[in-house]
Amino acid sequence: MDKNEKWLQWAVELQALAQAGLYYTEGDFDKERYERIREIAAEMVASKTDLSMDKVTDLFCDESGYQTPKLDTRAAIFQEDKILLVQEKSGLWSLPGGWVDVDVSVMENTIKEAKEEAGLDVTADLVIAVQDREKHNLPIYIHKICKIFVLCSVVGGQFEQNSETIQSGYFALDELPPLSEDKNNAEQIAMCFDAYHHADTWKTILE
């Protein structure tokens, strides 16, 4: 989805307003109106994409309460001035990471994802950046997402092929493989290198 398509911004805002309304209102008629607004938002997305209405509803309208961004963590792990990337089944490469599970902290999730995707035991040492995903990565998703990049140190482990990744490797900044740019792009990888080189004085980027 294009970053500049206003319809997507409108649909996301309508869905968020409807979700909040459903959570806070006590009137049955108001609930019906908010449900309809939510349906309209889902219909907008379904009509503009190749997703079915059922799929959009599952992805877009399955939460309750006040809507907040989803969290995604990415582990930046270095060895001899090279960064660790894992290869997905698509053939593209990314920093180990994923959605923050509801029962763990950001630190715990970063450590967990590094183990699951790269086979490594790590410590989470420094928050490099907290980024609004849609300002950096395409395609735009229907959920608002905050990406958290964390500088990590290896304390043990080794790669084992798993359900998500098929291999791992360390890469210099000027020798990056094809990236899974919906998860991390060259600019974000370069930011991680910068944090690694200036870890003692690095200030977390908030954007």
N, C-alpha and C. Protein backbone atom coordinates (compact mmCIF):
# COMPACT_ATOMS: atom_id res chain seq x y z
N MET A 1 0.83 -1.19 0.00
CA MET A 1 0.00 0.00 0.00
C MET A 1 0.87 1.24 0.00
N ASP A 2 0.54 2.18 -0.83
CA ASP A 2 1.34 3.38 -0.99
C ASP A 2 1.27 4.26 0.25
N LYS A 3 2.43 4.82 0.61
CA LYS A 3 2.53 5.68 1.78
C LYS A 3 1.62 6.89 1.68
N ASN A 4 1.34 7.35 0.45
CA ASN A 4 0.61 8.60 0.27
C ASN A 4 -0.87 8.41 -0.01
N GLU A 5 -1.38 7.20 0.07
CA GLU A 5 -2.79 6.96 -0.20
C GLU A 5 -3.62 7.34 1.01
N LYS A 6 -4.34 8.45 0.88
CA LYS A 6 -5.09 9.00 2.00
C LYS A 6 -6.20 8.06 2.46
N TRP A 7 -6.75 7.27 1.54
CA TRP A 7 -7.84 6.38 1.93
C TRP A 7 -7.43 5.44 3.06
N LEU A 8 -6.17 5.00 3.04
CA LEU A 8 -5.71 4.09 4.08
C LEU A 8 -5.65 4.80 5.43
N GLN A 9 -5.16 6.04 5.42
CA GLN A 9 -5.13 6.81 6.67
C GLN A 9 -6.54 7.02 7.21
N TRP A 10 -7.48 7.30 6.31
CA TRP A 10 -8.87 7.49 6.74
C TRP A 10 -9.45 6.20 7.33
N ALA A 11 -9.20 5.08 6.65
CA ALA A 11 -9.73 3.79 7.12
C ALA A 11 -9.15 3.43 8.49
N VAL A 12 -7.86 3.65 8.66
CA VAL A 12 -7.22 3.34 9.94
C VAL A 12 -7.79 4.23 11.05
N GLU A 13 -7.98 5.52 10.76
CA GLU A 13 -8.52 6.43 11.77
C GLU A 13 -9.97 6.07 12.11
N LEU A 14 -10.77 5.76 11.10
CA LEU A 14 -12.16 5.37 11.34
C LEU A 14 -12.24 4.12 12.22
N GLN A 15 -11.39 3.14 11.91
CA GLN A 15 -11.40 1.90 12.69
C GLN A 15 -10.99 2.17 14.13
N ALA A 16 -9.99 3.02 14.34
CA ALA A 16 -9.53 3.32 15.70
C ALA A 16 -10.62 4.05 16.49
N LEU A 17 -11.29 5.00 15.84
CA LEU A 17 -12.38 5.73 16.50
C LEU A 17 -13.53 4.78 16.86
N ALA A 18 -13.85 3.88 15.92
CA ALA A 18 -14.93 2.93 16.18
C ALA A 18 -14.57 1.97 17.30
N GLN A 19 -13.33 1.51 17.32
CA GLN A 19 -12.90 0.58 18.37
C GLN A 19 -12.96 1.24 19.74
N ALA A 20 -12.49 2.48 19.82
CA ALA A 20 -12.56 3.21 21.08
C ALA A 20 -14.01 3.45 21.49
N GLY A 21 -14.85 3.80 20.51
CA GLY A 21 -16.26 4.03 20.81
C GLY A 21 -16.93 2.78 21.35
N LEU A 22 -16.65 1.64 20.76
CA LEU A 22 -17.22 0.38 21.23
C LEU A 22 -16.79 0.06 22.66
N TYR A 23 -15.59 0.46 22.98
CA TYR A 23 -15.06 0.16 24.32
C TYR A 23 -15.67 1.07 25.39
N TYR A 24 -15.85 2.34 25.06
CA TYR A 24 -16.27 3.30 26.08
C TYR A 24 -17.77 3.53 26.17
N THR A 25 -18.50 3.33 25.06
CA THR A 25 -19.92 3.65 25.09
C THR A 25 -20.73 2.57 25.81
N GLU A 26 -21.83 2.98 26.40
CA GLU A 26 -22.73 2.04 27.07
C GLU A 26 -24.08 1.94 26.36
N GLY A 27 -24.30 2.82 25.37
CA GLY A 27 -25.58 2.82 24.67
C GLY A 27 -25.63 1.81 23.54
N ASP A 28 -26.70 1.03 23.48
CA ASP A 28 -26.82 0.00 22.44
C ASP A 28 -26.87 0.61 21.04
N PHE A 29 -27.57 1.73 20.87
CA PHE A 29 -27.66 2.35 19.55
C PHE A 29 -26.31 2.90 19.11
N ASP A 30 -25.58 3.47 20.07
CA ASP A 30 -24.23 3.97 19.74
C ASP A 30 -23.32 2.81 19.35
N LYS A 31 -23.44 1.68 20.03
CA LYS A 31 -22.63 0.51 19.70
C LYS A 31 -22.91 0.06 18.27
N GLU A 32 -24.17 0.09 17.88
CA GLU A 32 -24.52 -0.30 16.51
C GLU A 32 -23.87 0.65 15.50
N ARG A 33 -23.89 1.94 15.81
CA ARG A 33 -23.28 2.92 14.91
C ARG A 33 -21.77 2.69 14.80
N TYR A 34 -21.12 2.45 15.94
CA TYR A 34 -19.68 2.22 15.91
C TYR A 34 -19.33 0.92 15.17
N GLU A 35 -20.16 -0.10 15.33
CA GLU A 35 -19.93 -1.35 14.60
C GLU A 35 -20.01 -1.09 13.10
N ARG A 36 -20.98 -0.26 12.68
CA ARG A 36 -21.12 0.04 11.26
C ARG A 36 -19.94 0.84 10.75
N ILE A 37 -19.46 1.80 11.55
CA ILE A 37 -18.28 2.57 11.14
C ILE A 37 -17.08 1.63 10.97
N ARG A 38 -16.96 0.68 11.86
CA ARG A 38 -15.86 -0.29 11.77
C ARG A 38 -15.99 -1.13 10.51
N GLU A 39 -17.19 -1.53 10.19
CA GLU A 39 -17.44 -2.30 8.97
C GLU A 39 -17.08 -1.49 7.73
N ILE A 40 -17.44 -0.20 7.73
CA ILE A 40 -17.12 0.66 6.59
C ILE A 40 -15.61 0.76 6.40
N ALA A 41 -14.88 0.91 7.51
CA ALA A 41 -13.42 0.98 7.43
C ALA A 41 -12.85 -0.29 6.83
N ALA A 42 -13.37 -1.44 7.26
CA ALA A 42 -12.91 -2.72 6.71
C ALA A 42 -13.27 -2.85 5.24
N GLU A 43 -14.45 -2.39 4.86
CA GLU A 43 -14.87 -2.45 3.45
C GLU A 43 -13.96 -1.58 2.58
N MET A 44 -13.53 -0.44 3.11
CA MET A 44 -12.61 0.42 2.37
C MET A 44 -11.31 -0.31 2.06
N VAL A 45 -10.77 -1.00 3.08
CA VAL A 45 -9.51 -1.73 2.88
C VAL A 45 -9.71 -2.89 1.91
N ALA A 46 -10.78 -3.64 2.08
CA ALA A 46 -11.04 -4.79 1.21
C ALA A 46 -11.23 -4.36 -0.25
N SER A 47 -11.89 -3.22 -0.46
CA SER A 47 -12.16 -2.77 -1.82
C SER A 47 -10.91 -2.25 -2.52
N LYS A 48 -9.91 -1.86 -1.76
CA LYS A 48 -8.69 -1.28 -2.34
C LYS A 48 -7.52 -2.25 -2.38
N THR A 49 -7.71 -3.45 -1.83
CA THR A 49 -6.63 -4.43 -1.80
C THR A 49 -7.14 -5.76 -2.34
N ASP A 50 -6.27 -6.77 -2.36
CA ASP A 50 -6.68 -8.10 -2.80
C ASP A 50 -7.08 -8.98 -1.62
N LEU A 51 -7.32 -8.36 -0.45
CA LEU A 51 -7.73 -9.10 0.74
C LEU A 51 -9.24 -9.27 0.77
N SER A 52 -9.69 -10.43 1.21
CA SER A 52 -11.12 -10.65 1.35
C SER A 52 -11.63 -9.88 2.57
N MET A 53 -12.94 -9.67 2.61
CA MET A 53 -13.54 -8.98 3.74
C MET A 53 -13.29 -9.75 5.04
N ASP A 54 -13.39 -11.07 4.98
CA ASP A 54 -13.14 -11.88 6.18
C ASP A 54 -11.71 -11.71 6.67
N LYS A 55 -10.75 -11.68 5.73
CA LYS A 55 -9.35 -11.52 6.11
C LYS A 55 -9.10 -10.14 6.70
N VAL A 56 -9.67 -9.11 6.10
CA VAL A 56 -9.51 -7.75 6.62
C VAL A 56 -10.11 -7.65 8.01
N THR A 57 -11.27 -8.25 8.20
CA THR A 57 -11.92 -8.21 9.51
C THR A 57 -11.05 -8.89 10.56
N ASP A 58 -10.45 -10.02 10.21
CA ASP A 58 -9.56 -10.73 11.15
C ASP A 58 -8.35 -9.89 11.51
N LEU A 59 -7.77 -9.22 10.50
CA LEU A 59 -6.55 -8.45 10.73
C LEU A 59 -6.81 -7.10 11.36
N PHE A 60 -7.94 -6.51 11.00
CA PHE A 60 -8.17 -5.08 11.22
C PHE A 60 -9.17 -4.81 12.35
N CYS A 61 -10.04 -5.76 12.61
CA CYS A 61 -11.16 -5.50 13.52
C CYS A 61 -11.26 -6.57 14.61
N ASP A 62 -10.13 -7.10 15.04
CA ASP A 62 -10.18 -8.22 15.98
C ASP A 62 -9.79 -7.83 17.39
N GLU A 63 -9.62 -6.53 17.65
CA GLU A 63 -9.19 -6.09 18.97
C GLU A 63 -10.29 -5.29 19.66
N SER A 64 -10.14 -5.15 20.96
CA SER A 64 -11.06 -4.33 21.73
C SER A 64 -10.26 -3.39 22.60
N GLY A 65 -10.94 -2.39 23.16
CA GLY A 65 -10.23 -1.40 23.97
C GLY A 65 -9.66 -0.30 23.12
N TYR A 66 -9.00 0.65 23.75
CA TYR A 66 -8.41 1.77 23.03
C TYR A 66 -7.25 1.26 22.18
N GLN A 67 -7.27 1.61 20.90
CA GLN A 67 -6.27 1.07 19.99
C GLN A 67 -4.92 1.74 20.18
N THR A 68 -3.89 0.93 20.29
CA THR A 68 -2.52 1.41 20.42
C THR A 68 -1.63 0.71 19.40
N PRO A 69 -0.43 1.23 19.12
CA PRO A 69 0.45 0.59 18.14
C PRO A 69 0.91 -0.79 18.59
N LYS A 70 1.19 -1.64 17.62
CA LYS A 70 1.84 -2.91 17.89
C LYS A 70 3.34 -2.67 18.00
N LEU A 71 4.03 -3.56 18.72
CA LEU A 71 5.47 -3.43 18.91
C LEU A 71 6.22 -4.53 18.17
N ASP A 72 7.31 -4.15 17.54
CA ASP A 72 8.19 -5.08 16.82
C ASP A 72 9.61 -4.82 17.29
N THR A 73 10.33 -5.85 17.72
CA THR A 73 11.72 -5.67 18.13
C THR A 73 12.68 -6.29 17.12
N ARG A 74 13.85 -5.67 16.99
CA ARG A 74 14.90 -6.16 16.11
C ARG A 74 16.23 -6.14 16.85
N ALA A 75 16.94 -7.26 16.83
CA ALA A 75 18.21 -7.40 17.53
C ALA A 75 19.38 -7.08 16.59
N ALA A 76 20.20 -6.13 16.98
CA ALA A 76 21.41 -5.78 16.22
C ALA A 76 22.60 -6.43 16.92
N ILE A 77 23.16 -7.44 16.27
CA ILE A 77 24.24 -8.25 16.85
C ILE A 77 25.46 -8.14 15.95
N PHE A 78 26.60 -7.82 16.53
CA PHE A 78 27.81 -7.56 15.73
C PHE A 78 28.94 -8.52 16.08
N GLN A 79 29.78 -8.74 15.06
CA GLN A 79 31.01 -9.51 15.22
C GLN A 79 32.03 -8.99 14.23
N GLU A 80 33.14 -8.49 14.73
CA GLU A 80 34.23 -7.98 13.88
C GLU A 80 33.70 -6.99 12.84
N ASP A 81 32.94 -6.03 13.30
CA ASP A 81 32.39 -4.94 12.48
C ASP A 81 31.47 -5.45 11.37
N LYS A 82 30.82 -6.57 11.63
CA LYS A 82 29.80 -7.08 10.72
C LYS A 82 28.54 -7.35 11.53
N ILE A 83 27.38 -7.20 10.88
CA ILE A 83 26.10 -7.37 11.56
C ILE A 83 25.46 -8.69 11.19
N LEU A 84 24.81 -9.30 12.16
CA LEU A 84 24.15 -10.58 11.94
C LEU A 84 22.80 -10.39 11.27
N LEU A 85 22.58 -11.13 10.19
CA LEU A 85 21.28 -11.17 9.53
C LEU A 85 20.86 -12.62 9.38
N VAL A 86 19.55 -12.84 9.37
CA VAL A 86 19.02 -14.18 9.15
C VAL A 86 18.24 -14.19 7.84
N GLN A 87 18.33 -15.32 7.14
CA GLN A 87 17.63 -15.43 5.85
C GLN A 87 16.29 -16.10 6.04
N GLU A 88 15.26 -15.42 5.58
CA GLU A 88 13.91 -15.95 5.66
C GLU A 88 13.66 -16.93 4.51
N LYS A 89 12.57 -17.65 4.58
CA LYS A 89 12.25 -18.62 3.53
C LYS A 89 12.01 -17.95 2.19
N SER A 90 11.70 -16.65 2.21
CA SER A 90 11.54 -15.89 0.97
C SER A 90 12.86 -15.66 0.26
N GLY A 91 13.97 -15.91 0.95
CA GLY A 91 15.29 -15.64 0.40
C GLY A 91 15.85 -14.30 0.83
N LEU A 92 15.02 -13.45 1.42
CA LEU A 92 15.47 -12.13 1.87
C LEU A 92 16.01 -12.21 3.29
N TRP A 93 16.74 -11.15 3.68
CA TRP A 93 17.46 -11.17 4.95
C TRP A 93 16.96 -10.07 5.88
N SER A 94 17.00 -10.36 7.18
CA SER A 94 16.53 -9.39 8.16
C SER A 94 17.29 -9.54 9.47
N LEU A 95 17.20 -8.51 10.30
CA LEU A 95 17.66 -8.62 11.68
C LEU A 95 16.73 -9.58 12.42
N PRO A 96 17.25 -10.43 13.31
CA PRO A 96 16.36 -11.29 14.08
C PRO A 96 15.34 -10.45 14.85
N GLY A 97 14.08 -10.85 14.79
CA GLY A 97 13.08 -10.07 15.50
C GLY A 97 11.67 -10.46 15.14
N GLY A 98 10.71 -9.74 15.73
CA GLY A 98 9.31 -10.00 15.46
C GLY A 98 8.42 -9.30 16.44
N TRP A 99 7.12 -9.64 16.39
CA TRP A 99 6.14 -9.03 17.26
C TRP A 99 6.48 -9.29 18.72
N VAL A 100 6.23 -8.29 19.57
CA VAL A 100 6.40 -8.46 21.01
C VAL A 100 5.19 -9.23 21.55
N ASP A 101 5.44 -10.37 22.15
CA ASP A 101 4.37 -11.18 22.72
C ASP A 101 3.77 -10.48 23.94
N VAL A 102 2.51 -10.76 24.21
CA VAL A 102 1.80 -10.04 25.28
C VAL A 102 2.34 -10.35 26.67
N ASP A 103 3.04 -11.47 26.84
CA ASP A 103 3.47 -11.88 28.17
C ASP A 103 4.95 -11.64 28.43
N VAL A 104 5.61 -10.85 27.57
CA VAL A 104 7.04 -10.57 27.77
C VAL A 104 7.31 -9.08 27.59
N SER A 105 8.44 -8.65 28.12
CA SER A 105 8.87 -7.26 27.94
C SER A 105 9.60 -7.11 26.62
N VAL A 106 9.90 -5.87 26.25
CA VAL A 106 10.67 -5.61 25.03
C VAL A 106 12.03 -6.30 25.12
N MET A 107 12.70 -6.20 26.25
CA MET A 107 13.99 -6.86 26.42
C MET A 107 13.85 -8.37 26.27
N GLU A 108 12.89 -8.95 26.94
CA GLU A 108 12.70 -10.39 26.88
C GLU A 108 12.36 -10.85 25.47
N ASN A 109 11.57 -10.07 24.76
CA ASN A 109 11.19 -10.44 23.40
C ASN A 109 12.39 -10.39 22.45
N THR A 110 13.24 -9.38 22.62
CA THR A 110 14.43 -9.27 21.80
C THR A 110 15.33 -10.49 21.99
N ILE A 111 15.53 -10.88 23.23
CA ILE A 111 16.36 -12.05 23.55
C ILE A 111 15.71 -13.32 22.99
N LYS A 112 14.41 -13.44 23.14
CA LYS A 112 13.68 -14.62 22.65
C LYS A 112 13.79 -14.76 21.14
N GLU A 113 13.59 -13.64 20.42
CA GLU A 113 13.63 -13.69 18.95
C GLU A 113 15.04 -14.01 18.45
N ALA A 114 16.06 -13.50 19.11
CA ALA A 114 17.44 -13.81 18.72
C ALA A 114 17.70 -15.31 18.86
N LYS A 115 17.15 -15.90 19.91
CA LYS A 115 17.33 -17.34 20.11
C LYS A 115 16.54 -18.13 19.08
N GLU A 116 15.28 -17.75 18.85
CA GLU A 116 14.43 -18.51 17.95
C GLU A 116 14.90 -18.42 16.50
N GLU A 117 15.30 -17.24 16.06
CA GLU A 117 15.62 -17.05 14.64
C GLU A 117 17.10 -17.22 14.32
N ALA A 118 17.98 -16.96 15.29
CA ALA A 118 19.42 -17.04 15.02
C ALA A 118 20.12 -18.09 15.87
N GLY A 119 19.41 -18.69 16.83
CA GLY A 119 20.01 -19.71 17.68
C GLY A 119 20.98 -19.17 18.71
N LEU A 120 21.00 -17.86 18.91
CA LEU A 120 21.99 -17.25 19.79
C LEU A 120 21.41 -16.82 21.12
N ASP A 121 22.20 -16.99 22.16
CA ASP A 121 21.88 -16.44 23.47
C ASP A 121 22.52 -15.06 23.54
N VAL A 122 21.71 -14.05 23.82
CA VAL A 122 22.22 -12.68 23.81
C VAL A 122 21.77 -11.93 25.05
N THR A 123 22.46 -10.83 25.30
CA THR A 123 21.99 -9.84 26.26
C THR A 123 21.52 -8.63 25.47
N ALA A 124 20.49 -7.98 25.97
CA ALA A 124 19.97 -6.75 25.34
C ALA A 124 20.60 -5.57 26.05
N ASP A 125 21.46 -4.83 25.35
CA ASP A 125 22.33 -3.86 26.01
C ASP A 125 21.89 -2.40 25.85
N LEU A 126 21.32 -2.05 24.71
CA LEU A 126 21.06 -0.64 24.44
C LEU A 126 19.92 -0.50 23.43
N VAL A 127 18.96 0.36 23.73
CA VAL A 127 17.90 0.66 22.75
C VAL A 127 18.46 1.67 21.76
N ILE A 128 18.60 1.24 20.52
CA ILE A 128 19.15 2.09 19.47
C ILE A 128 18.13 3.13 19.02
N ALA A 129 16.91 2.67 18.76
CA ALA A 129 15.89 3.57 18.24
C ALA A 129 14.50 2.98 18.45
N VAL A 130 13.54 3.88 18.57
CA VAL A 130 12.12 3.53 18.54
C VAL A 130 11.53 4.31 17.37
N GLN A 131 11.10 3.59 16.34
CA GLN A 131 10.68 4.24 15.10
C GLN A 131 9.22 3.94 14.76
N ASP A 132 8.57 4.92 14.17
CA ASP A 132 7.27 4.74 13.55
C ASP A 132 7.52 4.03 12.22
N ARG A 133 7.07 2.78 12.12
CA ARG A 133 7.41 1.96 10.96
C ARG A 133 7.06 2.61 9.63
N GLU A 134 5.87 3.24 9.55
CA GLU A 134 5.42 3.73 8.25
C GLU A 134 6.25 4.91 7.74
N LYS A 135 7.11 5.49 8.60
CA LYS A 135 8.00 6.56 8.15
C LYS A 135 9.28 6.00 7.52
N HIS A 136 9.45 4.67 7.60
CA HIS A 136 10.71 4.08 7.15
C HIS A 136 10.55 2.86 6.25
N ASN A 137 9.47 2.09 6.43
CA ASN A 137 9.35 0.82 5.74
C ASN A 137 8.07 0.72 4.92
N LEU A 138 8.19 0.08 3.76
CA LEU A 138 7.05 -0.20 2.89
C LEU A 138 6.88 -1.70 2.74
N PRO A 139 5.65 -2.18 2.48
CA PRO A 139 4.43 -1.39 2.30
C PRO A 139 3.88 -0.91 3.64
N ILE A 140 3.00 0.09 3.60
CA ILE A 140 2.32 0.55 4.79
C ILE A 140 1.34 -0.54 5.25
N TYR A 141 1.32 -0.81 6.54
CA TYR A 141 0.39 -1.79 7.09
C TYR A 141 -0.85 -1.09 7.64
N ILE A 142 -1.93 -1.85 7.81
CA ILE A 142 -3.15 -1.27 8.35
C ILE A 142 -3.06 -1.09 9.86
N HIS A 143 -2.06 -1.68 10.48
CA HIS A 143 -1.81 -1.45 11.90
C HIS A 143 -0.68 -0.46 12.07
N LYS A 144 -0.79 0.42 13.04
CA LYS A 144 0.33 1.28 13.42
C LYS A 144 1.34 0.43 14.16
N ILE A 145 2.62 0.59 13.83
CA ILE A 145 3.66 -0.26 14.41
C ILE A 145 4.83 0.59 14.88
N CYS A 146 5.31 0.32 16.09
CA CYS A 146 6.55 0.91 16.59
C CYS A 146 7.64 -0.15 16.52
N LYS A 147 8.72 0.16 15.83
CA LYS A 147 9.85 -0.75 15.70
C LYS A 147 10.92 -0.33 16.71
N ILE A 148 11.40 -1.30 17.47
CA ILE A 148 12.41 -1.04 18.50
C ILE A 148 13.67 -1.82 18.14
N PHE A 149 14.75 -1.09 17.86
CA PHE A 149 16.03 -1.70 17.51
C PHE A 149 16.90 -1.73 18.77
N VAL A 150 17.47 -2.91 19.07
CA VAL A 150 18.21 -3.11 20.31
C VAL A 150 19.59 -3.67 20.01
N LEU A 151 20.62 -3.01 20.53
CA LEU A 151 21.99 -3.50 20.40
C LEU A 151 22.19 -4.64 21.39
N CYS A 152 22.67 -5.78 20.89
CA CYS A 152 22.80 -6.98 21.72
C CYS A 152 24.23 -7.53 21.67
N SER A 153 24.57 -8.33 22.69
CA SER A 153 25.86 -9.02 22.74
C SER A 153 25.61 -10.52 22.84
N VAL A 154 26.42 -11.29 22.13
CA VAL A 154 26.29 -12.75 22.13
C VAL A 154 27.00 -13.34 23.34
N VAL A 155 26.31 -14.25 24.02
CA VAL A 155 26.94 -14.93 25.16
C VAL A 155 26.98 -16.45 24.94
N GLY A 156 26.41 -16.92 23.82
CA GLY A 156 26.45 -18.35 23.54
C GLY A 156 25.50 -18.71 22.42
N GLY A 157 25.45 -20.02 22.12
CA GLY A 157 24.52 -20.52 21.11
C GLY A 157 25.10 -20.58 19.72
N GLN A 158 24.36 -21.19 18.81
CA GLN A 158 24.73 -21.25 17.40
C GLN A 158 23.47 -21.44 16.57
N PHE A 159 23.58 -21.09 15.29
CA PHE A 159 22.40 -21.13 14.43
C PHE A 159 21.92 -22.55 14.21
N GLU A 160 20.60 -22.71 14.25
CA GLU A 160 19.95 -23.96 13.86
C GLU A 160 18.77 -23.61 12.97
N GLN A 161 18.66 -24.29 11.83
CA GLN A 161 17.54 -24.02 10.94
C GLN A 161 16.23 -24.25 11.67
N ASN A 162 15.25 -23.38 11.39
CA ASN A 162 14.01 -23.42 12.14
C ASN A 162 12.84 -23.11 11.21
N SER A 163 11.66 -22.92 11.78
CA SER A 163 10.46 -22.72 10.97
C SER A 163 10.42 -21.36 10.28
N GLU A 164 11.27 -20.42 10.71
CA GLU A 164 11.23 -19.07 10.17
C GLU A 164 12.46 -18.71 9.33
N THR A 165 13.62 -19.23 9.67
CA THR A 165 14.85 -18.84 8.98
C THR A 165 15.64 -20.06 8.54
N ILE A 166 16.37 -19.90 7.42
CA ILE A 166 17.08 -21.04 6.85
C ILE A 166 18.60 -20.95 6.99
N GLN A 167 19.11 -19.75 7.26
CA GLN A 167 20.53 -19.60 7.55
C GLN A 167 20.78 -18.22 8.14
N SER A 168 21.99 -18.03 8.67
CA SER A 168 22.38 -16.74 9.20
C SER A 168 23.78 -16.41 8.74
N GLY A 169 24.16 -15.14 8.84
CA GLY A 169 25.50 -14.73 8.46
C GLY A 169 25.79 -13.32 8.93
N TYR A 170 27.07 -13.00 9.02
CA TYR A 170 27.49 -11.65 9.39
C TYR A 170 27.92 -10.91 8.13
N PHE A 171 27.49 -9.64 8.01
CA PHE A 171 27.72 -8.87 6.80
C PHE A 171 28.25 -7.48 7.12
N ALA A 172 29.21 -7.03 6.30
CA ALA A 172 29.69 -5.65 6.38
C ALA A 172 28.62 -4.73 5.81
N LEU A 173 28.68 -3.46 6.20
CA LEU A 173 27.65 -2.52 5.76
C LEU A 173 27.63 -2.37 4.25
N ASP A 174 28.80 -2.47 3.60
CA ASP A 174 28.85 -2.31 2.15
C ASP A 174 28.68 -3.63 1.40
N GLU A 175 28.31 -4.68 2.12
CA GLU A 175 28.13 -6.00 1.49
C GLU A 175 26.81 -6.65 1.94
N LEU A 176 25.78 -5.83 2.13
CA LEU A 176 24.51 -6.37 2.60
C LEU A 176 23.82 -7.21 1.53
N PRO A 177 23.21 -8.31 1.91
CA PRO A 177 22.44 -9.13 0.96
C PRO A 177 21.08 -8.48 0.70
N PRO A 178 20.27 -9.05 -0.19
CA PRO A 178 18.92 -8.51 -0.42
C PRO A 178 18.11 -8.52 0.88
N LEU A 179 17.62 -7.36 1.25
CA LEU A 179 16.96 -7.21 2.54
C LEU A 179 15.45 -7.37 2.44
N SER A 180 14.86 -7.86 3.51
CA SER A 180 13.41 -7.88 3.66
C SER A 180 13.01 -6.48 4.13
N GLU A 181 12.80 -5.57 3.18
CA GLU A 181 12.71 -4.15 3.50
C GLU A 181 11.43 -3.76 4.22
N ASP A 182 10.45 -4.64 4.25
CA ASP A 182 9.29 -4.35 5.09
C ASP A 182 9.65 -4.47 6.57
N LYS A 183 10.75 -5.16 6.87
CA LYS A 183 11.21 -5.32 8.25
C LYS A 183 12.39 -4.42 8.58
N ASN A 184 13.33 -4.30 7.67
CA ASN A 184 14.51 -3.45 7.88
C ASN A 184 15.14 -3.10 6.56
N ASN A 185 15.52 -1.84 6.41
CA ASN A 185 16.15 -1.40 5.17
C ASN A 185 17.60 -1.01 5.43
N ALA A 186 18.30 -0.63 4.37
CA ALA A 186 19.73 -0.31 4.48
C ALA A 186 19.96 0.88 5.41
N GLU A 187 19.05 1.84 5.41
CA GLU A 187 19.18 3.00 6.29
C GLU A 187 19.12 2.57 7.76
N GLN A 188 18.23 1.66 8.08
CA GLN A 188 18.11 1.19 9.45
C GLN A 188 19.31 0.34 9.86
N ILE A 189 19.83 -0.46 8.94
CA ILE A 189 21.03 -1.24 9.22
C ILE A 189 22.21 -0.30 9.48
N ALA A 190 22.34 0.75 8.67
CA ALA A 190 23.41 1.73 8.86
C ALA A 190 23.29 2.41 10.23
N MET A 191 22.06 2.69 10.65
CA MET A 191 21.83 3.27 11.97
C MET A 191 22.36 2.34 13.07
N CYS A 192 22.14 1.04 12.90
CA CYS A 192 22.63 0.08 13.88
C CYS A 192 24.15 0.05 13.92
N PHE A 193 24.79 0.13 12.77
CA PHE A 193 26.25 0.22 12.73
C PHE A 193 26.73 1.46 13.47
N ASP A 194 26.05 2.58 13.26
CA ASP A 194 26.44 3.83 13.91
C ASP A 194 26.34 3.69 15.43
N ALA A 195 25.27 3.07 15.90
CA ALA A 195 25.10 2.85 17.34
C ALA A 195 26.18 1.93 17.89
N TYR A 196 26.52 0.90 17.15
CA TYR A 196 27.57 -0.04 17.56
C TYR A 196 28.92 0.67 17.69
N HIS A 197 29.21 1.56 16.75
CA HIS A 197 30.50 2.27 16.77
C HIS A 197 30.57 3.34 17.86
N HIS A 198 29.40 3.79 18.33
CA HIS A 198 29.36 4.88 19.32
C HIS A 198 28.51 4.49 20.52
N ALA A 199 28.60 3.23 20.92
CA ALA A 199 27.73 2.71 21.97
C ALA A 199 27.87 3.48 23.29
N ASP A 200 29.06 3.94 23.59
CA ASP A 200 29.28 4.63 24.87
C ASP A 200 28.59 5.98 24.94
N THR A 201 28.34 6.59 23.80
CA THR A 201 27.75 7.93 23.80
C THR A 201 26.40 7.98 23.06
N TRP A 202 25.93 6.83 22.62
CA TRP A 202 24.72 6.80 21.80
C TRP A 202 23.50 7.25 22.57
N LYS A 203 22.66 8.06 21.95
CA LYS A 203 21.39 8.46 22.51
C LYS A 203 20.27 7.86 21.67
N THR A 204 19.34 7.19 22.34
CA THR A 204 18.25 6.52 21.64
C THR A 204 17.50 7.48 20.71
N ILE A 205 17.31 7.05 19.47
CA ILE A 205 16.56 7.85 18.50
C ILE A 205 15.07 7.58 18.66
N LEU A 206 14.30 8.63 18.81
CA LEU A 206 12.84 8.51 18.92
C LEU A 206 12.22 9.23 17.74
N GLU A 207 11.56 8.47 16.85
CA GLU A 207 10.97 9.11 15.66
C GLU A 207 9.84 8.28 15.09
